[in-house]
Amino acid sequence: MRQQVGLGRLVPLGGARDGAWIAERAAAVLLRHAVARDTPGVRLDGLRIGLAGPQDADGPAVPPPPGALPPGPLRLAARFAATAAQPLPVTASGLRAALAGAAAERIGLAVTEVDLCVTELLDTEPPTPPAPLAREPEPASEPASGPAGPGDPEAGRVAVAALAVPGVTRLTGGPARPVRRAGHQDGAALPRRHVRVDLAVRMDHRPLEVARAVREAVSAALPDRPTVSVLVTALD
């Protein structure tokens, strides 16, 4: 669970059959820059992504990362400050549209609700956040079954297949744990072996589409065609 603390919530990309998740911290980077670009005069002070209704969540088609939210409609909650250049209802409407559009079109999040809370009225325009250049240190990974390590040819095939997918910049999760393998989940045997890949995606690629392609490529690279899940931990 230490990894989840460092990455924030692990939220589903797409639907139940997509087998992909993204770290809330990574999604927030893209959402903040979309707000800075599309809604001048707004400073985003806080951002959380959660399930819109736990009763509407679906069971994922593949085992999720530990502690990850199940697939389902999402609620995006944001706190913001804004100038008085235009009426607050107009500003809030533009912010809501910018967040919902970026979440769906640029990331692949199934956001159905956007809740906003005004925290402050600003006298001057907020500064534009710089584009992310430096990578943050990777948080420690949780123990896993079958970690990938040096001299592991199967993990090497997985890495080659994943890194060949357009939009993948690197594998993450620590130098010895970008690939996790398991034959069962929560004590129940899986119909097929399962592989999880942690990776980073280019900012100009849609994480959901990249994750789908990685799942297909990794499964095809292994003789037993295991089920595959993808966790996007960063956007580069």
Protein backbone atom coordinates (compact mmCIF):
# COMPACT_ATOMS: atom_id res chain seq x y z
CA MET A 1 0.00 0.00 0.00
CA ARG A 2 3.00 2.35 0.21
CA GLN A 3 2.86 2.85 -3.54
CA GLN A 4 -0.78 3.94 -3.37
CA VAL A 5 0.04 6.54 -0.69
CA GLY A 6 2.66 8.05 -2.97
CA LEU A 7 0.50 8.02 -6.09
CA GLY A 8 -2.85 8.95 -4.58
CA ARG A 9 -5.92 6.99 -5.55
CA LEU A 10 -5.63 4.51 -8.39
CA VAL A 11 -8.60 5.30 -10.61
CA PRO A 12 -9.96 3.25 -13.51
CA LEU A 13 -9.31 4.17 -17.12
CA GLY A 14 -12.22 3.39 -19.42
CA GLY A 15 -14.60 0.61 -18.42
CA ALA A 16 -14.60 -2.77 -16.76
CA ARG A 17 -13.10 -4.56 -19.77
CA ASP A 18 -10.22 -2.12 -20.29
CA GLY A 19 -8.06 -3.48 -17.46
CA ALA A 20 -6.29 -0.16 -16.92
CA TRP A 21 -5.82 2.28 -14.06
CA ILE A 22 -4.05 5.62 -13.61
CA ALA A 23 -2.60 7.25 -10.53
CA GLU A 24 -4.66 10.22 -9.38
CA ARG A 25 -1.44 12.23 -9.06
CA ALA A 26 -0.60 11.61 -12.73
CA ALA A 27 -4.09 12.50 -13.94
CA ALA A 28 -4.03 15.69 -11.86
CA VAL A 29 -0.96 16.96 -13.71
CA LEU A 30 -2.77 16.90 -17.04
CA LEU A 31 -6.01 18.29 -15.59
CA ARG A 32 -4.21 21.23 -13.97
CA HIS A 33 -2.53 22.17 -17.23
CA ALA A 34 -5.81 21.89 -19.11
CA VAL A 35 -7.36 24.31 -16.60
CA ALA A 36 -4.44 26.74 -16.87
CA ARG A 37 -4.76 26.69 -20.68
CA ASP A 38 -8.55 26.81 -21.05
CA THR A 39 -9.80 28.81 -18.05
CA PRO A 40 -7.74 31.97 -17.50
CA GLY A 41 -8.15 33.65 -14.14
CA VAL A 42 -8.57 30.33 -12.28
CA ARG A 43 -6.21 28.71 -9.80
CA LEU A 44 -6.93 25.07 -9.03
CA ASP A 45 -6.30 24.48 -5.31
CA GLY A 46 -7.34 20.87 -4.88
CA LEU A 47 -8.44 17.94 -6.99
CA ARG A 48 -9.81 14.51 -6.07
CA ILE A 49 -11.19 11.72 -8.24
CA GLY A 50 -13.54 9.09 -6.82
CA LEU A 51 -16.52 6.95 -7.66
CA ALA A 52 -19.71 8.87 -8.44
CA GLY A 53 -21.74 6.04 -6.92
CA PRO A 54 -20.13 2.92 -5.44
CA GLN A 55 -23.33 1.02 -6.19
CA ASP A 56 -22.73 1.63 -9.91
CA ALA A 57 -19.18 0.22 -9.92
CA ASP A 58 -18.48 -2.86 -12.03
CA GLY A 59 -16.27 -5.84 -11.38
CA PRO A 60 -13.08 -5.49 -13.46
CA ALA A 61 -12.35 -8.07 -16.13
CA VAL A 62 -8.82 -8.56 -14.74
CA PRO A 63 -7.36 -8.31 -11.23
CA PRO A 64 -6.92 -4.63 -10.21
CA PRO A 65 -3.87 -3.20 -8.47
CA PRO A 66 -4.16 -3.43 -4.66
CA GLY A 67 -6.48 -0.73 -3.33
CA ALA A 68 -7.54 0.49 -6.78
CA LEU A 69 -11.04 1.83 -7.34
CA PRO A 70 -13.29 -0.49 -9.37
CA PRO A 71 -14.45 0.61 -12.83
CA GLY A 72 -17.53 2.81 -12.82
CA PRO A 73 -18.75 6.39 -13.23
CA LEU A 74 -16.37 8.88 -11.59
CA ARG A 75 -16.85 12.11 -9.68
CA LEU A 76 -14.22 14.82 -9.97
CA ALA A 77 -14.16 17.26 -7.03
CA ALA A 78 -12.13 20.47 -7.31
CA ARG A 79 -11.46 23.52 -5.13
CA PHE A 80 -10.52 26.69 -6.97
CA ALA A 81 -9.80 30.39 -6.64
CA ALA A 82 -10.72 32.87 -9.37
CA THR A 83 -10.55 36.53 -10.30
CA ALA A 84 -13.67 38.65 -10.66
CA ALA A 85 -13.04 39.20 -14.38
CA GLN A 86 -16.35 37.46 -15.05
CA PRO A 87 -19.23 36.30 -12.82
CA LEU A 88 -18.37 33.24 -10.73
CA PRO A 89 -21.17 31.10 -12.23
CA VAL A 90 -19.68 31.71 -15.68
CA THR A 91 -16.18 30.90 -14.44
CA ALA A 92 -17.44 27.74 -12.73
CA SER A 93 -19.24 26.62 -15.87
CA GLY A 94 -16.08 27.03 -17.94
CA LEU A 95 -13.99 25.22 -15.35
CA ARG A 96 -16.45 22.35 -15.16
CA ALA A 97 -16.38 21.97 -18.96
CA ALA A 98 -12.57 22.12 -19.07
CA LEU A 99 -12.17 19.46 -16.39
CA ALA A 100 -14.80 17.13 -17.83
CA GLY A 101 -13.45 17.50 -21.36
CA ALA A 102 -9.82 16.90 -20.39
CA ALA A 103 -10.72 13.93 -18.20
CA ALA A 104 -12.66 12.19 -20.97
CA GLU A 105 -10.84 13.24 -24.14
CA ARG A 106 -7.23 13.53 -23.03
CA ILE A 107 -7.07 10.83 -20.35
CA GLY A 108 -9.94 8.37 -20.74
CA LEU A 109 -11.68 8.81 -17.38
CA ALA A 110 -15.42 8.07 -17.22
CA VAL A 111 -16.26 11.28 -15.34
CA THR A 112 -20.00 11.88 -15.00
CA GLU A 113 -19.99 14.48 -12.20
CA VAL A 114 -17.83 17.53 -11.49
CA ASP A 115 -18.22 19.17 -8.07
CA LEU A 116 -16.68 22.61 -7.55
CA CYS A 117 -16.00 24.69 -4.45
CA VAL A 118 -14.78 28.32 -4.58
CA THR A 119 -12.04 28.95 -2.01
CA GLU A 120 -10.93 32.54 -2.74
CA LEU A 121 -11.42 35.61 -4.94
CA LEU A 122 -8.14 36.70 -6.53
CA ASP A 123 -7.02 40.27 -7.18
CA THR A 124 -4.59 39.29 -9.94
CA GLU A 125 -4.25 36.54 -12.53
CA PRO A 126 -2.73 33.36 -11.07
CA PRO A 127 0.65 32.32 -12.51
CA THR A 128 0.64 29.63 -15.19
CA PRO A 129 2.15 26.40 -13.83
CA PRO A 130 5.33 25.34 -15.64
CA ALA A 131 5.23 22.29 -17.86
CA PRO A 132 6.45 19.18 -16.03
CA LEU A 133 10.06 18.53 -16.94
CA ALA A 134 11.66 16.63 -14.09
CA ARG A 135 10.35 13.26 -13.08
CA GLU A 136 9.40 12.81 -9.45
CA PRO A 137 11.10 9.92 -7.59
CA GLU A 138 9.24 6.65 -7.85
CA PRO A 139 7.51 5.64 -4.61
CA ALA A 140 8.29 2.31 -3.04
CA SER A 141 6.35 -0.59 -4.51
CA GLU A 142 4.26 -3.07 -2.58
CA PRO A 143 5.40 -6.70 -2.42
CA ALA A 144 4.21 -8.69 -5.41
CA SER A 145 4.11 -12.23 -6.67
CA GLY A 146 6.82 -12.99 -9.21
CA PRO A 147 8.65 -9.63 -9.33
CA ALA A 148 10.72 -8.91 -12.38
CA GLY A 149 14.43 -8.77 -11.73
CA PRO A 150 17.79 -8.92 -13.50
CA GLY A 151 18.23 -12.02 -15.59
CA ASP A 152 14.50 -12.56 -15.94
CA PRO A 153 13.96 -13.29 -19.66
CA GLU A 154 10.16 -13.27 -19.47
CA ALA A 155 10.15 -9.86 -17.79
CA GLY A 156 12.48 -8.72 -20.55
CA ARG A 157 9.99 -9.80 -23.22
CA VAL A 158 7.24 -7.93 -21.37
CA ALA A 159 9.38 -4.81 -21.15
CA VAL A 160 10.30 -4.91 -24.84
CA ALA A 161 6.67 -5.36 -25.85
CA ALA A 162 5.43 -2.55 -23.61
CA LEU A 163 8.15 -0.07 -24.53
CA ALA A 164 7.50 -0.65 -28.25
CA VAL A 165 3.97 0.75 -27.90
CA PRO A 166 3.77 4.39 -29.07
CA GLY A 167 3.32 6.71 -26.11
CA VAL A 168 5.09 4.57 -23.50
CA THR A 169 8.13 6.43 -22.17
CA ARG A 170 9.40 4.03 -19.49
CA LEU A 171 8.46 1.29 -17.09
CA THR A 172 7.97 2.42 -13.49
CA GLY A 173 7.37 0.90 -10.05
CA GLY A 174 11.06 0.67 -9.12
CA PRO A 175 13.99 -0.92 -10.98
CA ALA A 176 13.07 -4.48 -9.94
CA ARG A 177 9.27 -4.30 -10.03
CA PRO A 178 7.87 -2.82 -13.26
CA VAL A 179 6.31 -6.21 -14.07
CA ARG A 180 4.29 -8.29 -11.63
CA ARG A 181 2.99 -11.79 -12.27
CA ALA A 182 0.48 -13.92 -10.40
CA GLY A 183 -1.37 -17.17 -10.87
CA HIS A 184 -4.19 -16.24 -8.51
CA GLN A 185 -5.82 -13.21 -6.92
CA ASP A 186 -7.34 -13.09 -3.43
CA GLY A 187 -6.94 -16.85 -3.05
CA ALA A 188 -8.96 -17.74 -6.15
CA ALA A 189 -7.36 -19.37 -9.19
CA LEU A 190 -7.48 -17.32 -12.36
CA PRO A 191 -8.47 -18.97 -15.65
CA ARG A 192 -5.14 -17.68 -16.97
CA ARG A 193 -1.96 -16.34 -15.48
CA HIS A 194 -1.98 -12.59 -14.89
CA VAL A 195 0.64 -9.92 -15.60
CA ARG A 196 0.57 -6.29 -14.48
CA VAL A 197 2.77 -3.61 -16.03
CA ASP A 198 3.47 -0.22 -14.42
CA LEU A 199 4.52 2.50 -16.82
CA ALA A 200 4.64 6.19 -17.74
CA VAL A 201 2.93 7.70 -20.79
CA ARG A 202 3.78 10.73 -22.90
CA MET A 203 1.70 13.81 -22.09
CA ASP A 204 0.59 14.09 -25.71
CA HIS A 205 -0.84 10.54 -25.81
CA ARG A 206 -4.18 9.43 -24.36
CA PRO A 207 -3.37 7.06 -21.47
CA LEU A 208 -6.41 4.84 -22.09
CA GLU A 209 -5.44 4.12 -25.69
CA VAL A 210 -1.82 3.48 -24.74
CA ALA A 211 -2.87 1.10 -21.95
CA ARG A 212 -5.14 -0.86 -24.30
CA ALA A 213 -2.30 -1.27 -26.78
CA VAL A 214 0.14 -2.35 -24.06
CA ARG A 215 -2.27 -5.00 -22.79
CA GLU A 216 -2.58 -6.48 -26.27
CA ALA A 217 1.17 -6.32 -26.97
CA VAL A 218 2.23 -7.89 -23.67
CA SER A 219 -0.30 -10.71 -23.87
CA ALA A 220 0.81 -11.51 -27.43
CA ALA A 221 4.48 -11.52 -26.37
CA LEU A 222 4.05 -14.44 -23.94
CA PRO A 223 3.30 -18.02 -25.08
CA ASP A 224 0.44 -18.63 -22.63
CA ARG A 225 -1.33 -15.35 -23.50
CA PRO A 226 -1.92 -14.23 -19.89
CA THR A 227 -4.42 -11.62 -18.85
CA VAL A 228 -2.77 -8.20 -18.53
CA SER A 229 -3.50 -5.05 -16.58
CA VAL A 230 -1.76 -1.68 -16.86
CA LEU A 231 -1.15 0.96 -14.20
CA VAL A 232 -0.15 4.39 -15.51
CA THR A 233 1.85 5.97 -12.70
CA ALA A 234 3.12 9.10 -14.45
CA LEU A 235 2.73 11.34 -17.49
CA ASP A 236 6.02 12.55 -19.00
